Full PDB file with SEQRES, HELIX, SHEET, SSBOND, CRYST1, ORIGX, SCALE, CONECT and MASTER records, all heavy atoms in Angstrom:
SEQRES   1 A   38  PHE ASP GLU MET TYR GLY GLY ARG ARG ILE ARG GLY PHE          
SEQRES   2 A   38  SER GLY PRO GLY GLY ARG PRO VAL ALA LEU VAL ASP GLY          
SEQRES   3 A   38  ARG PRO LEU HIS LEU MET ARG CYS ALA ASP GLY GLY              
HELIX    1 AA1 PRO A   16  GLY A   18  5                                   3    
SHEET    1 AA1 4 ASP A   2  TYR A   5  0                                        
SHEET    2 AA1 4 ARG A   8  SER A  14 -1                                        
SHEET    3 AA1 4 PRO A  20  VAL A  24 -1                                        
SHEET    4 AA1 4 ARG A  27  LEU A  29 -1                                        
CRYST1    1.000    1.000    1.000  90.00  90.00  90.00 P 1           1          
ORIGX1      1.000000  0.000000  0.000000        0.00000                         
ORIGX2      0.000000  1.000000  0.000000        0.00000                         
ORIGX3      0.000000  0.000000  1.000000        0.00000                         
SCALE1      1.000000  0.000000  0.000000        0.00000                         
SCALE2      0.000000  1.000000  0.000000        0.00000                         
SCALE3      0.000000  0.000000  1.000000        0.00000                         
ATOM      1  N   PHE A   1     -56.593  75.229 -45.479  1.00  0.00           N  
ATOM      2  CA  PHE A   1     -58.073  75.162 -45.495  1.00  0.00           C  
ATOM      3  C   PHE A   1     -58.529  76.573 -45.649  1.00  0.00           C  
ATOM      4  O   PHE A   1     -57.744  77.507 -45.332  1.00  0.00           O  
ATOM      5  CB  PHE A   1     -58.610  74.415 -44.302  1.00  0.00           C  
ATOM      6  CG  PHE A   1     -58.258  74.998 -43.020  1.00  0.00           C  
ATOM      7  CD1 PHE A   1     -58.871  76.048 -42.357  1.00  0.00           C  
ATOM      8  CD2 PHE A   1     -57.072  74.525 -42.346  1.00  0.00           C  
ATOM      9  CE1 PHE A   1     -58.563  76.596 -41.185  1.00  0.00           C  
ATOM     10  CE2 PHE A   1     -56.665  74.897 -41.054  1.00  0.00           C  
ATOM     11  CZ  PHE A   1     -57.341  75.941 -40.519  1.00  0.00           C  
ATOM     12  N   ASP A   2     -59.563  76.741 -46.129  1.00  0.00           N  
ATOM     13  CA  ASP A   2     -60.235  78.087 -46.352  1.00  0.00           C  
ATOM     14  C   ASP A   2     -61.792  77.902 -46.476  1.00  0.00           C  
ATOM     15  O   ASP A   2     -62.235  77.359 -47.418  1.00  0.00           O  
ATOM     16  CB  ASP A   2     -59.664  78.874 -47.579  1.00  0.00           C  
ATOM     17  CG  ASP A   2     -60.159  80.337 -47.716  1.00  0.00           C  
ATOM     18  OD1 ASP A   2     -60.996  80.733 -46.799  1.00  0.00           O  
ATOM     19  OD2 ASP A   2     -59.724  80.849 -48.630  1.00  0.00           O  
ATOM     20  N   GLU A   3     -62.470  78.260 -45.422  1.00  0.00           N  
ATOM     21  CA  GLU A   3     -63.881  77.945 -45.350  1.00  0.00           C  
ATOM     22  C   GLU A   3     -64.610  78.885 -44.487  1.00  0.00           C  
ATOM     23  O   GLU A   3     -64.033  79.554 -43.639  1.00  0.00           O  
ATOM     24  CB  GLU A   3     -64.176  76.528 -44.956  1.00  0.00           C  
ATOM     25  CG  GLU A   3     -63.798  76.158 -43.480  1.00  0.00           C  
ATOM     26  CD  GLU A   3     -64.052  74.664 -43.178  1.00  0.00           C  
ATOM     27  OE1 GLU A   3     -63.908  73.865 -44.077  1.00  0.00           O  
ATOM     28  OE2 GLU A   3     -64.520  74.398 -42.027  1.00  0.00           O  
ATOM     29  N   MET A   4     -65.979  78.817 -44.510  1.00  0.00           N  
ATOM     30  CA  MET A   4     -66.814  79.551 -43.640  1.00  0.00           C  
ATOM     31  C   MET A   4     -67.289  78.561 -42.594  1.00  0.00           C  
ATOM     32  O   MET A   4     -67.744  77.476 -42.871  1.00  0.00           O  
ATOM     33  CB  MET A   4     -68.067  80.271 -44.295  1.00  0.00           C  
ATOM     34  CG  MET A   4     -67.653  81.383 -45.218  1.00  0.00           C  
ATOM     35  SD  MET A   4     -66.986  82.786 -44.281  1.00  0.00           S  
ATOM     36  CE  MET A   4     -68.301  83.344 -43.245  1.00  0.00           C  
ATOM     37  N   TYR A   5     -67.154  78.893 -41.439  1.00  0.00           N  
ATOM     38  CA  TYR A   5     -67.488  77.966 -40.228  1.00  0.00           C  
ATOM     39  C   TYR A   5     -68.064  78.829 -39.109  1.00  0.00           C  
ATOM     40  O   TYR A   5     -67.431  79.699 -38.622  1.00  0.00           O  
ATOM     41  CB  TYR A   5     -66.389  77.108 -39.850  1.00  0.00           C  
ATOM     42  CG  TYR A   5     -66.729  76.239 -38.634  1.00  0.00           C  
ATOM     43  CD1 TYR A   5     -67.413  74.965 -38.949  1.00  0.00           C  
ATOM     44  CD2 TYR A   5     -66.485  76.460 -37.304  1.00  0.00           C  
ATOM     45  CE1 TYR A   5     -67.655  74.073 -37.856  1.00  0.00           C  
ATOM     46  CE2 TYR A   5     -66.846  75.612 -36.263  1.00  0.00           C  
ATOM     47  CZ  TYR A   5     -67.454  74.501 -36.567  1.00  0.00           C  
ATOM     48  OH  TYR A   5     -67.869  73.544 -35.599  1.00  0.00           O  
ATOM     49  N   GLY A   6     -69.282  78.518 -38.669  1.00  0.00           N  
ATOM     50  CA  GLY A   6     -69.949  79.131 -37.533  1.00  0.00           C  
ATOM     51  C   GLY A   6     -70.015  80.635 -37.883  1.00  0.00           C  
ATOM     52  O   GLY A   6     -70.006  81.508 -36.963  1.00  0.00           O  
ATOM     53  N   GLY A   7     -70.332  81.011 -39.153  1.00  0.00           N  
ATOM     54  CA  GLY A   7     -70.390  82.435 -39.550  1.00  0.00           C  
ATOM     55  C   GLY A   7     -69.084  83.188 -39.547  1.00  0.00           C  
ATOM     56  O   GLY A   7     -69.034  84.438 -39.681  1.00  0.00           O  
ATOM     57  N   ARG A   8     -67.990  82.457 -39.563  1.00  0.00           N  
ATOM     58  CA  ARG A   8     -66.634  83.103 -39.594  1.00  0.00           C  
ATOM     59  C   ARG A   8     -65.824  82.422 -40.741  1.00  0.00           C  
ATOM     60  O   ARG A   8     -65.940  81.354 -41.042  1.00  0.00           O  
ATOM     61  CB  ARG A   8     -65.901  83.024 -38.228  1.00  0.00           C  
ATOM     62  CG  ARG A   8     -66.563  83.588 -37.128  1.00  0.00           C  
ATOM     63  CD  ARG A   8     -65.779  83.279 -35.879  1.00  0.00           C  
ATOM     64  NE  ARG A   8     -66.582  83.738 -34.663  1.00  0.00           N  
ATOM     65  CZ  ARG A   8     -66.274  84.954 -34.118  1.00  0.00           C  
ATOM     66  NH1 ARG A   8     -65.309  85.634 -34.482  1.00  0.00           N  
ATOM     67  NH2 ARG A   8     -67.017  85.184 -33.051  1.00  0.00           N  
ATOM     68  N   ARG A   9     -64.911  83.330 -41.211  1.00  0.00           N  
ATOM     69  CA  ARG A   9     -63.996  82.761 -42.255  1.00  0.00           C  
ATOM     70  C   ARG A   9     -62.764  82.239 -41.580  1.00  0.00           C  
ATOM     71  O   ARG A   9     -62.175  83.026 -40.940  1.00  0.00           O  
ATOM     72  CB  ARG A   9     -63.629  83.841 -43.206  1.00  0.00           C  
ATOM     73  CG  ARG A   9     -62.788  83.268 -44.405  1.00  0.00           C  
ATOM     74  CD  ARG A   9     -62.529  84.132 -45.507  1.00  0.00           C  
ATOM     75  NE  ARG A   9     -61.721  83.492 -46.495  1.00  0.00           N  
ATOM     76  CZ  ARG A   9     -60.964  84.226 -47.342  1.00  0.00           C  
ATOM     77  NH1 ARG A   9     -60.931  85.544 -47.449  1.00  0.00           N  
ATOM     78  NH2 ARG A   9     -60.339  83.562 -48.317  1.00  0.00           N  
ATOM     79  N   ILE A  10     -62.524  80.936 -41.697  1.00  0.00           N  
ATOM     80  CA  ILE A  10     -61.279  80.423 -41.216  1.00  0.00           C  
ATOM     81  C   ILE A  10     -60.263  79.920 -42.332  1.00  0.00           C  
ATOM     82  O   ILE A  10     -60.848  79.406 -43.301  1.00  0.00           O  
ATOM     83  CB  ILE A  10     -61.509  79.200 -40.236  1.00  0.00           C  
ATOM     84  CG1 ILE A  10     -62.411  78.096 -40.835  1.00  0.00           C  
ATOM     85  CG2 ILE A  10     -62.340  79.754 -39.045  1.00  0.00           C  
ATOM     86  CD1 ILE A  10     -62.485  76.900 -40.071  1.00  0.00           C  
ATOM     87  N   ARG A  11     -59.063  80.338 -42.232  1.00  0.00           N  
ATOM     88  CA  ARG A  11     -58.137  79.907 -43.144  1.00  0.00           C  
ATOM     89  C   ARG A  11     -56.936  79.281 -42.426  1.00  0.00           C  
ATOM     90  O   ARG A  11     -56.605  79.639 -41.344  1.00  0.00           O  
ATOM     91  CB  ARG A  11     -57.564  81.154 -43.957  1.00  0.00           C  
ATOM     92  CG  ARG A  11     -58.767  81.731 -44.754  1.00  0.00           C  
ATOM     93  CD  ARG A  11     -58.218  82.997 -45.440  1.00  0.00           C  
ATOM     94  NE  ARG A  11     -57.098  82.662 -46.254  1.00  0.00           N  
ATOM     95  CZ  ARG A  11     -56.113  83.511 -46.612  1.00  0.00           C  
ATOM     96  NH1 ARG A  11     -56.091  84.788 -46.110  1.00  0.00           N  
ATOM     97  NH2 ARG A  11     -55.122  83.133 -47.290  1.00  0.00           N  
ATOM     98  N   GLY A  12     -56.195  78.456 -43.107  1.00  0.00           N  
ATOM     99  CA  GLY A  12     -55.046  77.815 -42.447  1.00  0.00           C  
ATOM    100  C   GLY A  12     -54.125  77.450 -43.630  1.00  0.00           C  
ATOM    101  O   GLY A  12     -54.509  77.186 -44.843  1.00  0.00           O  
ATOM    102  N   PHE A  13     -52.885  77.390 -43.373  1.00  0.00           N  
ATOM    103  CA  PHE A  13     -51.779  77.074 -44.188  1.00  0.00           C  
ATOM    104  C   PHE A  13     -50.412  76.717 -43.463  1.00  0.00           C  
ATOM    105  O   PHE A  13     -50.446  77.015 -42.262  1.00  0.00           O  
ATOM    106  CB  PHE A  13     -51.499  78.118 -45.241  1.00  0.00           C  
ATOM    107  CG  PHE A  13     -51.328  79.523 -44.710  1.00  0.00           C  
ATOM    108  CD1 PHE A  13     -50.128  80.010 -44.244  1.00  0.00           C  
ATOM    109  CD2 PHE A  13     -52.458  80.212 -44.379  1.00  0.00           C  
ATOM    110  CE1 PHE A  13     -49.898  81.233 -43.702  1.00  0.00           C  
ATOM    111  CE2 PHE A  13     -52.262  81.572 -43.763  1.00  0.00           C  
ATOM    112  CZ  PHE A  13     -51.112  82.011 -43.451  1.00  0.00           C  
ATOM    113  N   SER A  14     -49.456  76.247 -44.114  1.00  0.00           N  
ATOM    114  CA  SER A  14     -48.105  75.947 -43.531  1.00  0.00           C  
ATOM    115  C   SER A  14     -47.336  77.183 -43.489  1.00  0.00           C  
ATOM    116  O   SER A  14     -47.262  77.908 -44.430  1.00  0.00           O  
ATOM    117  CB  SER A  14     -47.379  74.920 -44.317  1.00  0.00           C  
ATOM    118  OG  SER A  14     -47.973  73.690 -44.329  1.00  0.00           O  
ATOM    119  N   GLY A  15     -46.838  77.505 -42.297  1.00  0.00           N  
ATOM    120  CA  GLY A  15     -46.043  78.644 -42.011  1.00  0.00           C  
ATOM    121  C   GLY A  15     -44.565  78.350 -42.128  1.00  0.00           C  
ATOM    122  O   GLY A  15     -44.206  77.348 -42.501  1.00  0.00           O  
ATOM    123  N   PRO A  16     -43.772  79.230 -41.403  1.00  0.00           N  
ATOM    124  CA  PRO A  16     -42.389  78.982 -41.262  1.00  0.00           C  
ATOM    125  C   PRO A  16     -42.014  77.707 -40.637  1.00  0.00           C  
ATOM    126  O   PRO A  16     -42.680  77.467 -39.581  1.00  0.00           O  
ATOM    127  CB  PRO A  16     -41.892  80.179 -40.506  1.00  0.00           C  
ATOM    128  CG  PRO A  16     -42.921  81.252 -40.552  1.00  0.00           C  
ATOM    129  CD  PRO A  16     -44.182  80.463 -40.800  1.00  0.00           C  
ATOM    130  N   GLY A  17     -41.131  76.967 -41.078  1.00  0.00           N  
ATOM    131  CA  GLY A  17     -40.804  75.653 -40.629  1.00  0.00           C  
ATOM    132  C   GLY A  17     -41.812  74.593 -40.723  1.00  0.00           C  
ATOM    133  O   GLY A  17     -41.675  73.666 -40.008  1.00  0.00           O  
ATOM    134  N   GLY A  18     -42.942  74.877 -41.530  1.00  0.00           N  
ATOM    135  CA  GLY A  18     -43.942  73.890 -41.540  1.00  0.00           C  
ATOM    136  C   GLY A  18     -44.997  73.963 -40.464  1.00  0.00           C  
ATOM    137  O   GLY A  18     -45.764  72.977 -40.491  1.00  0.00           O  
ATOM    138  N   ARG A  19     -44.863  74.896 -39.603  1.00  0.00           N  
ATOM    139  CA  ARG A  19     -45.798  74.992 -38.450  1.00  0.00           C  
ATOM    140  C   ARG A  19     -47.084  75.501 -39.080  1.00  0.00           C  
ATOM    141  O   ARG A  19     -47.194  76.390 -39.933  1.00  0.00           O  
ATOM    142  CB  ARG A  19     -45.292  75.970 -37.462  1.00  0.00           C  
ATOM    143  CG  ARG A  19     -44.172  75.327 -36.643  1.00  0.00           C  
ATOM    144  CD  ARG A  19     -43.779  76.204 -35.437  1.00  0.00           C  
ATOM    145  NE  ARG A  19     -43.131  77.459 -35.829  1.00  0.00           N  
ATOM    146  CZ  ARG A  19     -41.969  77.627 -36.118  1.00  0.00           C  
ATOM    147  NH1 ARG A  19     -41.076  76.638 -35.998  1.00  0.00           N  
ATOM    148  NH2 ARG A  19     -41.403  78.774 -36.466  1.00  0.00           N  
ATOM    149  N   PRO A  20     -48.283  75.089 -38.426  1.00  0.00           N  
ATOM    150  CA  PRO A  20     -49.548  75.490 -39.044  1.00  0.00           C  
ATOM    151  C   PRO A  20     -49.778  76.975 -38.648  1.00  0.00           C  
ATOM    152  O   PRO A  20     -49.483  77.364 -37.434  1.00  0.00           O  
ATOM    153  CB  PRO A  20     -50.515  74.507 -38.351  1.00  0.00           C  
ATOM    154  CG  PRO A  20     -49.971  74.020 -37.116  1.00  0.00           C  
ATOM    155  CD  PRO A  20     -48.421  74.088 -37.455  1.00  0.00           C  
ATOM    156  N   VAL A  21     -50.502  77.653 -39.574  1.00  0.00           N  
ATOM    157  CA  VAL A  21     -50.886  78.986 -39.266  1.00  0.00           C  
ATOM    158  C   VAL A  21     -52.392  79.059 -39.516  1.00  0.00           C  
ATOM    159  O   VAL A  21     -52.836  78.496 -40.487  1.00  0.00           O  
ATOM    160  CB  VAL A  21     -50.221  80.063 -40.184  1.00  0.00           C  
ATOM    161  CG1 VAL A  21     -50.764  81.404 -40.021  1.00  0.00           C  
ATOM    162  CG2 VAL A  21     -48.727  80.004 -40.044  1.00  0.00           C  
ATOM    163  N   ALA A  22     -53.140  79.518 -38.503  1.00  0.00           N  
ATOM    164  CA  ALA A  22     -54.625  79.695 -38.589  1.00  0.00           C  
ATOM    165  C   ALA A  22     -55.068  81.060 -38.487  1.00  0.00           C  
ATOM    166  O   ALA A  22     -54.532  81.833 -37.658  1.00  0.00           O  
ATOM    167  CB  ALA A  22     -55.179  78.657 -37.598  1.00  0.00           C  
ATOM    168  N   LEU A  23     -56.019  81.492 -39.210  1.00  0.00           N  
ATOM    169  CA  LEU A  23     -56.725  82.811 -39.136  1.00  0.00           C  
ATOM    170  C   LEU A  23     -58.199  82.679 -38.994  1.00  0.00           C  
ATOM    171  O   LEU A  23     -58.807  81.866 -39.571  1.00  0.00           O  
ATOM    172  CB  LEU A  23     -56.350  83.613 -40.390  1.00  0.00           C  
ATOM    173  CG  LEU A  23     -54.874  83.828 -40.657  1.00  0.00           C  
ATOM    174  CD1 LEU A  23     -54.816  84.362 -42.178  1.00  0.00           C  
ATOM    175  CD2 LEU A  23     -54.233  84.628 -39.749  1.00  0.00           C  
ATOM    176  N   VAL A  24     -58.715  83.431 -37.931  1.00  0.00           N  
ATOM    177  CA  VAL A  24     -60.094  83.456 -37.740  1.00  0.00           C  
ATOM    178  C   VAL A  24     -60.426  84.885 -38.091  1.00  0.00           C  
ATOM    179  O   VAL A  24     -60.119  85.843 -37.435  1.00  0.00           O  
ATOM    180  CB  VAL A  24     -60.566  83.134 -36.352  1.00  0.00           C  
ATOM    181  CG1 VAL A  24     -61.998  83.333 -36.184  1.00  0.00           C  
ATOM    182  CG2 VAL A  24     -60.032  81.745 -36.046  1.00  0.00           C  
ATOM    183  N   ASP A  25     -61.312  85.127 -39.137  1.00  0.00           N  
ATOM    184  CA  ASP A  25     -61.769  86.470 -39.632  1.00  0.00           C  
ATOM    185  C   ASP A  25     -60.337  87.305 -39.805  1.00  0.00           C  
ATOM    186  O   ASP A  25     -60.454  88.543 -39.505  1.00  0.00           O  
ATOM    187  CB  ASP A  25     -62.712  87.060 -38.721  1.00  0.00           C  
ATOM    188  CG  ASP A  25     -64.045  86.452 -38.653  1.00  0.00           C  
ATOM    189  OD1 ASP A  25     -64.363  85.780 -39.618  1.00  0.00           O  
ATOM    190  OD2 ASP A  25     -64.767  86.499 -37.632  1.00  0.00           O  
ATOM    191  N   GLY A  26     -59.443  86.749 -40.249  1.00  0.00           N  
ATOM    192  CA  GLY A  26     -58.175  87.592 -40.558  1.00  0.00           C  
ATOM    193  C   GLY A  26     -57.306  87.760 -39.387  1.00  0.00           C  
ATOM    194  O   GLY A  26     -56.143  88.207 -39.572  1.00  0.00           O  
ATOM    195  N   ARG A  27     -57.715  87.354 -38.245  1.00  0.00           N  
ATOM    196  CA  ARG A  27     -56.845  87.463 -37.061  1.00  0.00           C  
ATOM    197  C   ARG A  27     -56.137  86.125 -36.793  1.00  0.00           C  
ATOM    198  O   ARG A  27     -56.805  85.002 -36.724  1.00  0.00           O  
ATOM    199  CB  ARG A  27     -57.644  87.904 -35.847  1.00  0.00           C  
ATOM    200  CG  ARG A  27     -58.227  89.284 -35.974  1.00  0.00           C  
ATOM    201  CD  ARG A  27     -58.810  89.699 -34.813  1.00  0.00           C  
ATOM    202  NE  ARG A  27     -59.223  91.098 -34.878  1.00  0.00           N  
ATOM    203  CZ  ARG A  27     -59.566  91.852 -33.844  1.00  0.00           C  
ATOM    204  NH1 ARG A  27     -59.742  91.342 -32.649  1.00  0.00           N  
ATOM    205  NH2 ARG A  27     -59.974  93.142 -34.102  1.00  0.00           N  
ATOM    206  N   PRO A  28     -54.796  86.134 -36.427  1.00  0.00           N  
ATOM    207  CA  PRO A  28     -54.124  84.884 -36.068  1.00  0.00           C  
ATOM    208  C   PRO A  28     -54.592  84.240 -34.944  1.00  0.00           C  
ATOM    209  O   PRO A  28     -54.904  84.753 -33.913  1.00  0.00           O  
ATOM    210  CB  PRO A  28     -52.630  85.399 -36.066  1.00  0.00           C  
ATOM    211  CG  PRO A  28     -52.725  86.855 -35.708  1.00  0.00           C  
ATOM    212  CD  PRO A  28     -53.951  87.392 -36.250  1.00  0.00           C  
ATOM    213  N   LEU A  29     -54.613  82.954 -34.999  1.00  0.00           N  
ATOM    214  CA  LEU A  29     -54.963  82.023 -33.893  1.00  0.00           C  
ATOM    215  C   LEU A  29     -53.736  81.055 -33.667  1.00  0.00           C  
ATOM    216  O   LEU A  29     -53.380  80.349 -34.536  1.00  0.00           O  
ATOM    217  CB  LEU A  29     -56.190  81.108 -34.159  1.00  0.00           C  
ATOM    218  CG  LEU A  29     -56.541  80.102 -33.169  1.00  0.00           C  
ATOM    219  CD1 LEU A  29     -57.018  80.723 -31.912  1.00  0.00           C  
ATOM    220  CD2 LEU A  29     -57.547  79.194 -33.718  1.00  0.00           C  
ATOM    221  N   HIS A  30     -53.140  81.241 -32.463  1.00  0.00           N  
ATOM    222  CA  HIS A  30     -51.966  80.429 -32.215  1.00  0.00           C  
ATOM    223  C   HIS A  30     -52.461  78.992 -32.014  1.00  0.00           C  
ATOM    224  O   HIS A  30     -53.312  78.664 -31.174  1.00  0.00           O  
ATOM    225  CB  HIS A  30     -51.241  80.929 -30.938  1.00  0.00           C  
ATOM    226  CG  HIS A  30     -50.125  80.076 -30.598  1.00  0.00           C  
ATOM    227  ND1 HIS A  30     -48.973  79.998 -31.331  1.00  0.00           N  
ATOM    228  CD2 HIS A  30     -49.919  79.338 -29.486  1.00  0.00           C  
ATOM    229  CE1 HIS A  30     -48.053  79.230 -30.674  1.00  0.00           C  
ATOM    230  NE2 HIS A  30     -48.629  78.835 -29.558  1.00  0.00           N  
ATOM    231  N   LEU A  31     -51.773  78.045 -32.720  1.00  0.00           N  
ATOM    232  CA  LEU A  31     -51.982  76.544 -32.620  1.00  0.00           C  
ATOM    233  C   LEU A  31     -50.714  75.918 -32.119  1.00  0.00           C  
ATOM    234  O   LEU A  31     -49.643  76.273 -32.446  1.00  0.00           O  
ATOM    235  CB  LEU A  31     -52.281  75.953 -33.962  1.00  0.00           C  
ATOM    236  CG  LEU A  31     -53.601  76.502 -34.543  1.00  0.00           C  
ATOM    237  CD1 LEU A  31     -53.810  75.723 -35.957  1.00  0.00           C  
ATOM    238  CD2 LEU A  31     -54.771  76.116 -33.789  1.00  0.00           C  
ATOM    239  N   MET A  32     -50.878  74.989 -31.108  1.00  0.00           N  
ATOM    240  CA  MET A  32     -49.790  74.449 -30.397  1.00  0.00           C  
ATOM    241  C   MET A  32     -49.925  72.871 -30.703  1.00  0.00           C  
ATOM    242  O   MET A  32     -50.971  72.378 -30.594  1.00  0.00           O  
ATOM    243  CB  MET A  32     -49.881  74.672 -28.841  1.00  0.00           C  
ATOM    244  CG  MET A  32     -49.613  76.075 -28.526  1.00  0.00           C  
ATOM    245  SD  MET A  32     -50.118  76.495 -26.877  1.00  0.00           S  
ATOM    246  CE  MET A  32     -51.845  76.525 -26.966  1.00  0.00           C  
ATOM    247  N   ARG A  33     -48.800  72.297 -30.827  1.00  0.00           N  
ATOM    248  CA  ARG A  33     -48.687  70.708 -31.216  1.00  0.00           C  
ATOM    249  C   ARG A  33     -48.717  70.129 -29.832  1.00  0.00           C  
ATOM    250  O   ARG A  33     -47.962  70.465 -29.000  1.00  0.00           O  
ATOM    251  CB  ARG A  33     -47.507  70.526 -31.982  1.00  0.00           C  
ATOM    252  CG  ARG A  33     -47.352  69.025 -32.482  1.00  0.00           C  
ATOM    253  CD  ARG A  33     -48.379  68.889 -33.670  1.00  0.00           C  
ATOM    254  NE  ARG A  33     -48.530  67.505 -34.005  1.00  0.00           N  
ATOM    255  CZ  ARG A  33     -48.307  67.104 -35.264  1.00  0.00           C  
ATOM    256  NH1 ARG A  33     -48.047  67.913 -36.150  1.00  0.00           N  
ATOM    257  NH2 ARG A  33     -48.441  65.829 -35.519  1.00  0.00           N  
ATOM    258  N   CYS A  34     -49.505  69.052 -29.692  1.00  0.00           N  
ATOM    259  CA  CYS A  34     -49.551  68.261 -28.460  1.00  0.00           C  
ATOM    260  C   CYS A  34     -48.664  67.055 -28.544  1.00  0.00           C  
ATOM    261  O   CYS A  34     -48.264  66.593 -29.660  1.00  0.00           O  
ATOM    262  CB  CYS A  34     -51.029  67.851 -28.116  1.00  0.00           C  
ATOM    263  SG  CYS A  34     -52.105  69.166 -27.922  1.00  0.00           S  
ATOM    264  N   ALA A  35     -48.398  66.362 -27.474  1.00  0.00           N  
ATOM    265  CA  ALA A  35     -47.572  65.246 -27.519  1.00  0.00           C  
ATOM    266  C   ALA A  35     -48.258  64.109 -28.126  1.00  0.00           C  
ATOM    267  O   ALA A  35     -47.549  63.221 -28.776  1.00  0.00           O  
ATOM    268  CB  ALA A  35     -47.231  64.825 -26.011  1.00  0.00           C  
ATOM    269  N   ASP A  36     -49.595  64.090 -28.205  1.00  0.00           N  
ATOM    270  CA  ASP A  36     -50.240  63.015 -28.852  1.00  0.00           C  
ATOM    271  C   ASP A  36     -50.363  63.271 -30.480  1.00  0.00           C  
ATOM    272  O   ASP A  36     -50.921  62.359 -31.181  1.00  0.00           O  
ATOM    273  CB  ASP A  36     -51.592  62.807 -28.390  1.00  0.00           C  
ATOM    274  CG  ASP A  36     -52.568  63.997 -28.540  1.00  0.00           C  
ATOM    275  OD1 ASP A  36     -52.065  64.974 -29.142  1.00  0.00           O  
ATOM    276  OD2 ASP A  36     -53.777  63.959 -28.191  1.00  0.00           O  
ATOM    277  N   GLY A  37     -49.789  64.323 -30.995  1.00  0.00           N  
ATOM    278  CA  GLY A  37     -49.750  64.668 -32.295  1.00  0.00           C  
ATOM    279  C   GLY A  37     -50.895  65.554 -32.864  1.00  0.00           C  
ATOM    280  O   GLY A  37     -50.966  65.934 -33.883  1.00  0.00           O  
ATOM    281  N   GLY A  38     -51.762  65.877 -31.848  1.00  0.00           N  
ATOM    282  CA  GLY A  38     -52.860  66.775 -32.163  1.00  0.00           C  
ATOM    283  C   GLY A  38     -52.418  68.171 -31.928  1.00  0.00           C  
ATOM    284  O   GLY A  38     -51.294  68.561 -31.764  1.00  0.00           O  
TER     285      GLY A  38                                                      
MASTER        0    0    0    1    4    0    0    6  284    1    0    3          
END                                                                             
């Protein structure tokens, strides 16, 4: 994904091992997978 949200540019893509990578204004945001799949 790549969009403007709340006045910020957010981007996401699949990283190493298929784990999600998210960036907020170019800074990495750690995402964790939950037991419920979220």
